Amino acid sequence: MEKLTVVKVGGKIVEDECSLQQLLQNFTAIKGKKVLIHGGGRSATKIAAQLGIESKMVNGRRITDAEMLRVVTMVYGGLVNKNIVASLQAKGINALGLTGADLNVLLSDKRPVKDGVDYGFVGDVKKANGEILAKLISDGVVPVMAPLTHDGQGHMLNTNADTIAQETAVALSPFFETTLIYSFEKKGVLRDAEDEESYIPHINRQEFRQFVEDGVVQGGMIPKLENAFSALDAGVSKVVITLATAIDGNSGTIIEK
């Protein structure tokens, strides 16, 4: 089975031109088939503010009303996505920018109101079309996916980029030996948030439970690791959490069954 690397890059890296170009250089150097999934939340917040639209967050997640949906569709699907695609083309990578609506690659349900919180036009992925993506990839195309899906009824939905990365990697696992890389600004999962060098090189499920119990792993890292184990259970070969400058699949925290 051919190898495939699915890289998710956070908004912080995407929005700084210098760090973005470095990441794209490293992404270009990855051998074999690959997919890139990006965020872009800070750009959306900034452009919304310029348009006089207030950004509302609950537990770190964006409330996407009709006005904000227009902004994230423009920013994620347009500005951020196409700048990345153009930069990759300049590096000799035949990239294709996609939202979930394009070729119906990611279909979502609008998130229901829960505990009194209405997230608005936010999507929870229902189906990822691995077959169509696998065809594109086999033809030498490198998909660059924005954090947007659709509901099949003509509505775009704002969707968490980590989730899109997980669902995409899982959908492609029947066709390729898939490694999923979450890249961000730390070396991996840290034992001590203040110490960059305290990253944990390997984590299995038992160790993960222990780390949560001991308070070593907390906050937003818990759902990230839960997603990682779900991806492994669904057929992904390996998940890596690492620095954006170390996306070769050999550095950072490697999560295995």
Protein backbone atom coordinates (compact mmCIF):
# COMPACT_ATOMS: atom_id res chain seq x y z
CA MET A 1 0.00 0.00 0.00
CA GLU A 2 1.32 3.44 -0.91
CA LYS A 3 2.10 5.83 1.92
CA LEU A 4 0.11 9.05 2.42
CA THR A 5 0.78 11.91 4.83
CA VAL A 6 -2.11 14.13 5.97
CA VAL A 7 -0.81 17.34 7.58
CA LYS A 8 -3.01 19.69 9.60
CA VAL A 9 -1.54 23.14 10.20
CA GLY A 10 -2.93 25.57 12.77
CA GLY A 11 -4.08 29.11 12.11
CA LYS A 12 -1.17 30.70 13.98
CA ILE A 13 1.34 29.29 11.47
CA VAL A 14 -0.84 29.97 8.42
CA GLU A 15 -1.24 33.64 9.34
CA ASP A 16 2.44 34.50 9.69
CA GLU A 17 3.97 34.71 6.20
CA CYS A 18 7.43 33.66 7.37
CA SER A 19 6.28 30.57 9.33
CA LEU A 20 3.83 29.64 6.54
CA GLN A 21 6.55 29.67 3.87
CA GLN A 22 8.78 27.54 6.11
CA LEU A 23 5.94 25.07 6.67
CA LEU A 24 5.17 24.85 2.93
CA GLN A 25 8.87 24.25 2.23
CA ASN A 26 8.84 21.35 4.73
CA PHE A 27 5.53 20.09 3.33
CA THR A 28 7.01 20.13 -0.19
CA ALA A 29 9.93 17.99 1.09
CA ILE A 30 7.60 15.21 2.37
CA LYS A 31 8.07 12.22 0.09
CA GLY A 32 5.12 10.53 -1.56
CA LYS A 33 1.42 11.37 -1.55
CA LYS A 34 0.14 14.12 0.73
CA VAL A 35 -2.79 16.31 1.81
CA LEU A 36 -2.75 19.64 3.67
CA ILE A 37 -5.56 20.86 5.96
CA HIS A 38 -5.42 24.40 7.31
CA GLY A 39 -7.11 26.62 9.88
CA GLY A 40 -7.37 30.40 9.72
CA GLY A 41 -9.37 31.57 12.73
CA ARG A 42 -7.24 34.62 13.55
CA SER A 43 -7.55 35.97 10.00
CA ALA A 44 -11.32 35.51 10.17
CA THR A 45 -11.47 37.38 13.50
CA LYS A 46 -9.35 40.22 12.13
CA ILE A 47 -11.32 40.64 8.89
CA ALA A 48 -14.66 40.34 10.74
CA ALA A 49 -13.54 43.18 13.04
CA GLN A 50 -12.63 45.33 10.00
CA LEU A 51 -16.17 44.70 8.71
CA GLY A 52 -17.65 45.61 12.10
CA ILE A 53 -18.69 42.02 12.89
CA GLU A 54 -18.06 40.86 16.44
CA SER A 55 -16.50 37.42 17.01
CA LYS A 56 -18.24 35.39 19.69
CA MET A 57 -16.56 32.36 21.28
CA VAL A 58 -17.77 29.71 23.73
CA ASN A 59 -15.14 27.36 25.25
CA GLY A 60 -12.68 28.40 22.55
CA ARG A 61 -15.12 27.55 19.74
CA ARG A 62 -16.47 30.15 17.34
CA ILE A 63 -20.19 30.93 17.24
CA THR A 64 -20.95 31.18 13.52
CA ASP A 65 -24.01 33.31 12.81
CA ALA A 66 -25.06 34.19 9.23
CA GLU A 67 -22.71 37.22 9.07
CA MET A 68 -19.74 35.29 10.46
CA LEU A 69 -20.45 32.41 8.06
CA ARG A 70 -19.99 34.82 5.15
CA VAL A 71 -16.65 35.95 6.62
CA VAL A 72 -15.26 32.45 7.28
CA THR A 73 -16.35 31.25 3.83
CA MET A 74 -14.49 34.18 2.22
CA VAL A 75 -11.43 33.93 4.46
CA TYR A 76 -10.96 30.15 4.77
CA GLY A 77 -12.19 29.11 1.33
CA GLY A 78 -10.76 32.13 -0.48
CA LEU A 79 -7.98 34.24 1.03
CA VAL A 80 -6.15 31.64 3.15
CA ASN A 81 -6.77 28.61 0.93
CA LYS A 82 -5.82 30.22 -2.38
CA ASN A 83 -2.67 31.87 -0.96
CA ILE A 84 -1.50 28.43 0.19
CA VAL A 85 -2.37 26.86 -3.18
CA ALA A 86 -0.50 29.60 -5.07
CA SER A 87 2.57 29.21 -2.82
CA LEU A 88 2.59 25.43 -3.33
CA GLN A 89 2.28 25.84 -7.12
CA ALA A 90 5.36 28.11 -6.96
CA LYS A 91 7.18 25.21 -5.23
CA GLY A 92 6.21 22.76 -7.99
CA ILE A 93 3.36 21.09 -6.06
CA ASN A 94 0.19 20.62 -8.10
CA ALA A 95 -2.19 21.73 -5.34
CA LEU A 96 -5.99 21.95 -5.52
CA GLY A 97 -7.88 24.03 -2.94
CA LEU A 98 -11.08 22.42 -1.65
CA THR A 99 -13.87 23.05 0.80
CA GLY A 100 -16.11 20.16 1.85
CA ALA A 101 -18.69 21.27 -0.73
CA ASP A 102 -16.27 20.83 -3.65
CA LEU A 103 -16.82 17.38 -5.21
CA ASN A 104 -19.00 16.70 -2.12
CA VAL A 105 -15.87 15.60 -0.22
CA LEU A 106 -17.17 16.43 3.28
CA LEU A 107 -20.83 16.35 4.19
CA SER A 108 -21.89 17.63 7.63
CA ASP A 109 -24.90 17.98 9.88
CA LYS A 110 -25.51 21.40 11.42
CA ARG A 111 -24.59 21.11 15.10
CA PRO A 112 -27.72 20.94 17.29
CA VAL A 113 -28.22 23.36 20.20
CA LYS A 114 -26.61 21.75 23.25
CA ASP A 115 -26.69 22.87 26.90
CA GLY A 116 -28.24 26.13 25.78
CA VAL A 117 -25.38 26.89 23.34
CA ASP A 118 -26.31 27.51 19.71
CA TYR A 119 -23.11 27.41 17.66
CA GLY A 120 -25.00 28.56 14.57
CA PHE A 121 -23.70 27.41 11.19
CA VAL A 122 -21.18 24.90 12.54
CA GLY A 123 -20.89 21.45 10.99
CA ASP A 124 -20.20 18.04 12.50
CA VAL A 125 -18.83 15.77 9.77
CA LYS A 126 -21.23 13.00 8.75
CA LYS A 127 -19.43 11.58 5.69
CA ALA A 128 -16.05 12.02 4.02
CA ASN A 129 -15.64 10.89 0.42
CA GLY A 130 -12.29 9.09 0.48
CA GLU A 131 -12.80 7.57 -2.96
CA ILE A 132 -12.89 10.87 -4.87
CA LEU A 133 -9.93 12.24 -2.86
CA ALA A 134 -7.95 9.03 -3.47
CA LYS A 135 -8.54 9.38 -7.23
CA LEU A 136 -7.26 12.97 -7.21
CA ILE A 137 -4.23 12.01 -5.10
CA SER A 138 -3.42 9.03 -7.35
CA ASP A 139 -3.48 11.45 -10.32
CA GLY A 140 -0.74 13.54 -8.67
CA VAL A 141 -3.00 16.23 -7.17
CA VAL A 142 -2.27 17.53 -3.64
CA PRO A 143 -5.57 18.54 -1.97
CA VAL A 144 -5.43 21.65 0.26
CA MET A 145 -8.54 21.60 2.44
CA ALA A 146 -10.17 24.58 4.11
CA PRO A 147 -12.11 24.14 7.40
CA LEU A 148 -15.51 24.37 5.69
CA THR A 149 -18.06 21.66 4.91
CA HIS A 150 -21.64 21.68 3.60
CA ASP A 151 -24.97 20.09 4.55
CA GLY A 152 -26.04 18.92 1.09
CA GLN A 153 -28.94 21.42 1.22
CA GLY A 154 -26.98 24.35 -0.18
CA HIS A 155 -25.52 25.67 3.08
CA MET A 156 -21.84 26.01 3.96
CA LEU A 157 -20.83 25.13 7.53
CA ASN A 158 -17.83 26.21 9.60
CA THR A 159 -16.04 23.04 10.74
CA ASN A 160 -13.15 22.35 13.11
CA ALA A 161 -9.91 21.78 11.12
CA ASP A 162 -8.66 19.04 13.50
CA THR A 163 -11.89 17.12 12.86
CA ILE A 164 -11.56 17.59 9.09
CA ALA A 165 -7.99 16.27 9.27
CA GLN A 166 -9.11 13.22 11.26
CA GLU A 167 -12.10 12.44 9.01
CA THR A 168 -10.02 12.92 5.84
CA ALA A 169 -7.22 10.64 7.11
CA VAL A 170 -9.75 7.96 8.10
CA ALA A 171 -11.57 8.16 4.74
CA LEU A 172 -8.26 7.74 2.89
CA SER A 173 -7.03 4.81 5.02
CA PRO A 174 -8.65 2.09 2.85
CA PHE A 175 -6.62 3.42 -0.11
CA PHE A 176 -3.26 4.35 1.49
CA GLU A 177 -1.11 3.66 4.54
CA THR A 178 -1.98 6.93 6.24
CA THR A 179 -0.02 9.03 8.73
CA LEU A 180 -1.89 11.97 10.29
CA ILE A 181 0.26 14.87 11.50
CA TYR A 182 -1.10 17.66 13.71
CA SER A 183 1.43 20.48 13.52
CA PHE A 184 1.44 23.48 15.84
CA GLU A 185 3.84 25.68 17.83
CA LYS A 186 5.04 23.09 20.39
CA LYS A 187 7.42 20.12 19.99
CA GLY A 188 4.65 17.69 20.91
CA VAL A 189 2.60 16.77 23.97
CA LEU A 190 4.50 18.37 26.87
CA ARG A 191 4.85 16.95 30.39
CA ASP A 192 5.43 20.52 31.56
CA ALA A 193 3.73 23.33 29.62
CA GLU A 194 6.62 25.67 30.51
CA ASP A 195 9.36 23.33 29.29
CA GLU A 196 9.65 22.93 25.50
CA GLU A 197 12.02 19.98 25.89
CA SER A 198 9.62 17.97 28.07
CA TYR A 199 7.69 16.51 25.14
CA ILE A 200 6.59 12.87 25.37
CA PRO A 201 7.99 10.87 22.40
CA HIS A 202 5.37 8.06 22.42
CA ILE A 203 1.90 7.70 23.93
CA ASN A 204 -0.37 4.65 23.89
CA ARG A 205 -3.97 4.59 25.15
CA GLN A 206 -3.11 3.32 28.63
CA GLU A 207 -0.47 6.04 29.12
CA PHE A 208 -2.91 8.66 27.83
CA ARG A 209 -5.49 7.72 30.48
CA GLN A 210 -2.81 7.88 33.15
CA PHE A 211 -1.55 11.30 31.92
CA VAL A 212 -5.11 12.69 32.08
CA GLU A 213 -5.60 11.26 35.59
CA ASP A 214 -2.30 12.77 36.75
CA GLY A 215 -3.12 16.15 35.20
CA VAL A 216 -0.12 15.97 32.82
CA VAL A 217 -2.42 16.19 29.78
CA GLN A 218 -5.20 18.74 30.12
CA GLY A 219 -7.33 21.36 28.34
CA GLY A 220 -7.44 21.32 24.53
CA MET A 221 -4.84 18.54 24.31
CA ILE A 222 -7.34 15.97 25.67
CA PRO A 223 -9.76 16.16 22.69
CA LYS A 224 -6.76 16.28 20.29
CA LEU A 225 -5.46 12.99 21.69
CA GLU A 226 -8.95 11.47 21.83
CA ASN A 227 -9.28 12.32 18.12
CA ALA A 228 -5.90 10.69 17.50
CA PHE A 229 -6.95 7.39 19.12
CA SER A 230 -10.31 7.46 17.26
CA ALA A 231 -8.37 7.88 14.00
CA LEU A 232 -6.14 4.87 14.84
CA ASP A 233 -9.21 2.76 15.69
CA ALA A 234 -10.70 3.69 12.30
CA GLY A 235 -7.69 2.60 10.24
CA VAL A 236 -5.09 5.40 10.34
CA SER A 237 -1.59 3.90 10.76
CA LYS A 238 0.08 6.58 12.86
CA VAL A 239 -0.72 9.99 14.40
CA VAL A 240 1.97 12.56 15.20
CA ILE A 241 1.67 15.82 17.19
CA THR A 242 4.66 18.01 16.46
CA LEU A 243 6.21 21.37 15.63
CA ALA A 244 5.25 22.94 12.33
CA THR A 245 8.96 22.85 11.42
CA ALA A 246 9.19 19.07 12.02
CA ILE A 247 6.49 17.45 9.88
CA ASP A 248 8.55 14.56 8.52
CA GLY A 249 6.61 12.11 10.72
CA ASN A 250 9.68 11.18 12.79
CA SER A 251 9.68 13.94 15.42
CA GLY A 252 7.33 15.04 18.19
CA THR A 253 4.82 12.85 20.01
CA ILE A 254 3.98 9.67 18.11
CA ILE A 255 0.62 8.12 19.03
CA GLU A 256 0.21 4.42 18.39
CA LYS A 257 -2.34 1.73 19.20
